Amino acid sequence: MDTLVQDGDFKTDVSGYTEEIYSIDEACQRVKFILLTQKGDFIFDRELGSDFSGLIGSSDISREAELRCREALADQKEISVGTVTAESKSVFIKLFVEVFYGEESRILEVILNGDVF
């Protein structure tokens, strides 16, 4: 289970010890948190989060998902979003988000269930 700490991001390793994460790992953790948080539900910042409502049934689900990802992550100045693709499954949507942090990049997989949209 990952832990959010105000002055940095931490995770628990396989041995149960807490370790700090940096760079692209921290950026991906932040992106995933924002995309999986329904906008308005995070008590400390009601503007943080995303809104994927109406994504199911969209004629161009990847384009719509990309727009919503960019909107949700607009305030993250040091993180850029590249390509976003989406696959619609029966009860969930699978997003593949290209995350850039400085010189590093990674494709992040985010699974949205009915609680998020």
C-alpha atoms as a PDB file:
ATOM      1  CA  MET A   1       0.000   0.000   0.000  1.00  0.00           C
ATOM      2  CA  ASP A   2       1.379   3.414  -0.956  1.00  0.00           C
ATOM      3  CA  THR A   3       1.401   6.264   1.514  1.00  0.00           C
ATOM      4  CA  LEU A   4       0.953   9.930   0.682  1.00  0.00           C
ATOM      5  CA  VAL A   5       3.127  12.206   2.805  1.00  0.00           C
ATOM      6  CA  GLN A   6       3.017  15.997   2.578  1.00  0.00           C
ATOM      7  CA  ASP A   7       6.754  16.600   2.080  1.00  0.00           C
ATOM      8  CA  GLY A   8       7.380  13.812  -0.436  1.00  0.00           C
ATOM      9  CA  ASP A   9       6.059  10.560  -1.751  1.00  0.00           C
ATOM     10  CA  PHE A  10       6.807   7.223  -0.182  1.00  0.00           C
ATOM     11  CA  LYS A  11       5.950   3.599  -0.802  1.00  0.00           C
ATOM     12  CA  THR A  12       6.362   0.388   1.108  1.00  0.00           C
ATOM     13  CA  ASP A  13       8.825  -2.052  -0.414  1.00  0.00           C
ATOM     14  CA  VAL A  14       8.372  -5.841  -0.513  1.00  0.00           C
ATOM     15  CA  SER A  15       9.956  -6.168   2.940  1.00  0.00           C
ATOM     16  CA  GLY A  16       7.528  -3.687   4.483  1.00  0.00           C
ATOM     17  CA  TYR A  17      10.040  -0.854   4.793  1.00  0.00           C
ATOM     18  CA  THR A  18       9.166   2.679   3.729  1.00  0.00           C
ATOM     19  CA  GLU A  19      11.226   4.165   0.940  1.00  0.00           C
ATOM     20  CA  GLU A  20      11.033   7.519  -0.805  1.00  0.00           C
ATOM     21  CA  ILE A  21      10.347   7.570  -4.528  1.00  0.00           C
ATOM     22  CA  TYR A  22      11.751  10.114  -6.945  1.00  0.00           C
ATOM     23  CA  SER A  23      11.519  11.355 -10.512  1.00  0.00           C
ATOM     24  CA  ILE A  24       9.356   9.450 -12.985  1.00  0.00           C
ATOM     25  CA  ASP A  25       8.111   7.017 -10.326  1.00  0.00           C
ATOM     26  CA  GLU A  26       6.809   9.896  -8.204  1.00  0.00           C
ATOM     27  CA  ALA A  27       5.303  11.590 -11.264  1.00  0.00           C
ATOM     28  CA  CYS A  28       3.473   8.398 -12.294  1.00  0.00           C
ATOM     29  CA  GLN A  29       2.164   7.914  -8.766  1.00  0.00           C
ATOM     30  CA  ARG A  30       0.851  11.490  -8.756  1.00  0.00           C
ATOM     31  CA  VAL A  31      -0.764  11.108 -12.196  1.00  0.00           C
ATOM     32  CA  LYS A  32      -2.454   7.866 -11.185  1.00  0.00           C
ATOM     33  CA  PHE A  33      -3.764   9.435  -7.968  1.00  0.00           C
ATOM     34  CA  ILE A  34      -5.210  12.410  -9.844  1.00  0.00           C
ATOM     35  CA  LEU A  35      -6.807  10.312 -12.587  1.00  0.00           C
ATOM     36  CA  LEU A  36      -8.367   7.872 -10.110  1.00  0.00           C
ATOM     37  CA  THR A  37      -9.769  10.641  -7.892  1.00  0.00           C
ATOM     38  CA  GLN A  38     -13.194  11.905  -8.883  1.00  0.00           C
ATOM     39  CA  LYS A  39     -13.033  15.684  -9.196  1.00  0.00           C
ATOM     40  CA  GLY A  40     -14.486  17.249  -6.045  1.00  0.00           C
ATOM     41  CA  ASP A  41     -13.988  14.167  -3.848  1.00  0.00           C
ATOM     42  CA  PHE A  42     -10.523  14.986  -2.423  1.00  0.00           C
ATOM     43  CA  ILE A  43     -11.297  16.907   0.753  1.00  0.00           C
ATOM     44  CA  PHE A  44      -7.990  18.848   0.828  1.00  0.00           C
ATOM     45  CA  ASP A  45      -8.370  20.175  -2.734  1.00  0.00           C
ATOM     46  CA  ARG A  46     -11.821  20.029  -4.361  1.00  0.00           C
ATOM     47  CA  GLU A  47     -10.353  21.047  -7.745  1.00  0.00           C
ATOM     48  CA  LEU A  48      -7.957  18.085  -7.840  1.00  0.00           C
ATOM     49  CA  GLY A  49      -9.094  15.014  -9.728  1.00  0.00           C
ATOM     50  CA  SER A  50     -10.660  13.984 -12.992  1.00  0.00           C
ATOM     51  CA  ASP A  51     -14.076  13.575 -14.544  1.00  0.00           C
ATOM     52  CA  PHE A  52     -14.469  10.592 -16.855  1.00  0.00           C
ATOM     53  CA  SER A  53     -18.276  10.568 -16.738  1.00  0.00           C
ATOM     54  CA  GLY A  54     -19.791   9.966 -20.126  1.00  0.00           C
ATOM     55  CA  LEU A  55     -16.672   8.314 -21.506  1.00  0.00           C
ATOM     56  CA  ILE A  56     -18.432   4.975 -22.050  1.00  0.00           C
ATOM     57  CA  GLY A  57     -20.315   5.182 -25.314  1.00  0.00           C
ATOM     58  CA  SER A  58     -18.180   7.988 -26.691  1.00  0.00           C
ATOM     59  CA  SER A  59     -17.630   7.665 -30.437  1.00  0.00           C
ATOM     60  CA  ASP A  60     -13.923   8.562 -30.045  1.00  0.00           C
ATOM     61  CA  ILE A  61     -13.068   7.282 -26.573  1.00  0.00           C
ATOM     62  CA  SER A  62      -9.277   7.784 -26.912  1.00  0.00           C
ATOM     63  CA  ARG A  63      -9.613  11.444 -27.946  1.00  0.00           C
ATOM     64  CA  GLU A  64     -12.146  12.139 -25.192  1.00  0.00           C
ATOM     65  CA  ALA A  65      -9.921  10.382 -22.609  1.00  0.00           C
ATOM     66  CA  GLU A  66      -6.911  12.416 -23.752  1.00  0.00           C
ATOM     67  CA  LEU A  67      -8.801  15.703 -23.335  1.00  0.00           C
ATOM     68  CA  ARG A  68      -9.979  14.736 -19.847  1.00  0.00           C
ATOM     69  CA  CYS A  69      -6.482  13.593 -18.804  1.00  0.00           C
ATOM     70  CA  ARG A  70      -4.955  16.860 -19.987  1.00  0.00           C
ATOM     71  CA  GLU A  71      -7.609  18.850 -18.137  1.00  0.00           C
ATOM     72  CA  ALA A  72      -7.069  16.894 -14.899  1.00  0.00           C
ATOM     73  CA  LEU A  73      -3.284  17.274 -15.080  1.00  0.00           C
ATOM     74  CA  ALA A  74      -3.110  20.891 -16.283  1.00  0.00           C
ATOM     75  CA  ASP A  75      -1.896  22.193 -12.888  1.00  0.00           C
ATOM     76  CA  GLN A  76       1.016  19.729 -12.746  1.00  0.00           C
ATOM     77  CA  LYS A  77       3.641  22.039 -14.242  1.00  0.00           C
ATOM     78  CA  GLU A  78       6.588  19.610 -14.155  1.00  0.00           C
ATOM     79  CA  ILE A  79       4.597  16.714 -15.648  1.00  0.00           C
ATOM     80  CA  SER A  80       3.622  16.500 -19.321  1.00  0.00           C
ATOM     81  CA  VAL A  81       1.223  14.118 -20.981  1.00  0.00           C
ATOM     82  CA  GLY A  82       2.002  12.628 -24.380  1.00  0.00           C
ATOM     83  CA  THR A  83      -0.185  10.119 -26.118  1.00  0.00           C
ATOM     84  CA  VAL A  84      -3.311   8.841 -24.354  1.00  0.00           C
ATOM     85  CA  THR A  85      -5.162   5.780 -25.613  1.00  0.00           C
ATOM     86  CA  ALA A  86      -8.214   4.133 -24.112  1.00  0.00           C
ATOM     87  CA  GLU A  87      -9.775   0.707 -24.399  1.00  0.00           C
ATOM     88  CA  SER A  88     -13.366   0.232 -23.352  1.00  0.00           C
ATOM     89  CA  LYS A  89     -14.088  -3.048 -21.587  1.00  0.00           C
ATOM     90  CA  SER A  90     -17.441  -4.241 -20.253  1.00  0.00           C
ATOM     91  CA  VAL A  91     -17.275  -2.603 -16.798  1.00  0.00           C
ATOM     92  CA  PHE A  92     -14.055  -0.612 -16.949  1.00  0.00           C
ATOM     93  CA  ILE A  93     -11.852   1.540 -19.154  1.00  0.00           C
ATOM     94  CA  LYS A  94      -8.131   0.944 -19.530  1.00  0.00           C
ATOM     95  CA  LEU A  95      -6.048   4.065 -20.160  1.00  0.00           C
ATOM     96  CA  PHE A  96      -2.472   4.129 -21.406  1.00  0.00           C
ATOM     97  CA  VAL A  97      -0.978   7.530 -20.571  1.00  0.00           C
ATOM     98  CA  GLU A  98       2.471   8.611 -21.722  1.00  0.00           C
ATOM     99  CA  VAL A  99       3.931  10.576 -18.792  1.00  0.00           C
ATOM    100  CA  PHE A 100       6.948  12.886 -19.184  1.00  0.00           C
ATOM    101  CA  TYR A 101       8.940  14.146 -16.217  1.00  0.00           C
ATOM    102  CA  GLY A 102      12.088  16.045 -17.151  1.00  0.00           C
ATOM    103  CA  GLU A 103      14.123  13.837 -19.490  1.00  0.00           C
ATOM    104  CA  GLU A 104      12.271  10.667 -18.488  1.00  0.00           C
ATOM    105  CA  SER A 105       9.070   9.168 -19.813  1.00  0.00           C
ATOM    106  CA  ARG A 106       6.926   6.144 -19.089  1.00  0.00           C
ATOM    107  CA  ILE A 107       3.690   4.623 -20.316  1.00  0.00           C
ATOM    108  CA  LEU A 108       1.339   4.416 -17.338  1.00  0.00           C
ATOM    109  CA  GLU A 109      -1.600   2.011 -17.333  1.00  0.00           C
ATOM    110  CA  VAL A 110      -4.632   3.215 -15.383  1.00  0.00           C
ATOM    111  CA  ILE A 111      -7.781   1.145 -15.004  1.00  0.00           C
ATOM    112  CA  LEU A 112     -10.944   3.157 -14.436  1.00  0.00           C
ATOM    113  CA  ASN A 113     -13.875   1.299 -12.929  1.00  0.00           C
ATOM    114  CA  GLY A 114     -17.444   2.495 -12.492  1.00  0.00           C
ATOM    115  CA  ASP A 115     -16.522   4.487  -9.365  1.00  0.00           C
ATOM    116  CA  VAL A 116     -14.461   6.916 -11.471  1.00  0.00           C
ATOM    117  CA  PHE A 117     -16.872   7.332 -14.365  1.00  0.00           C
END
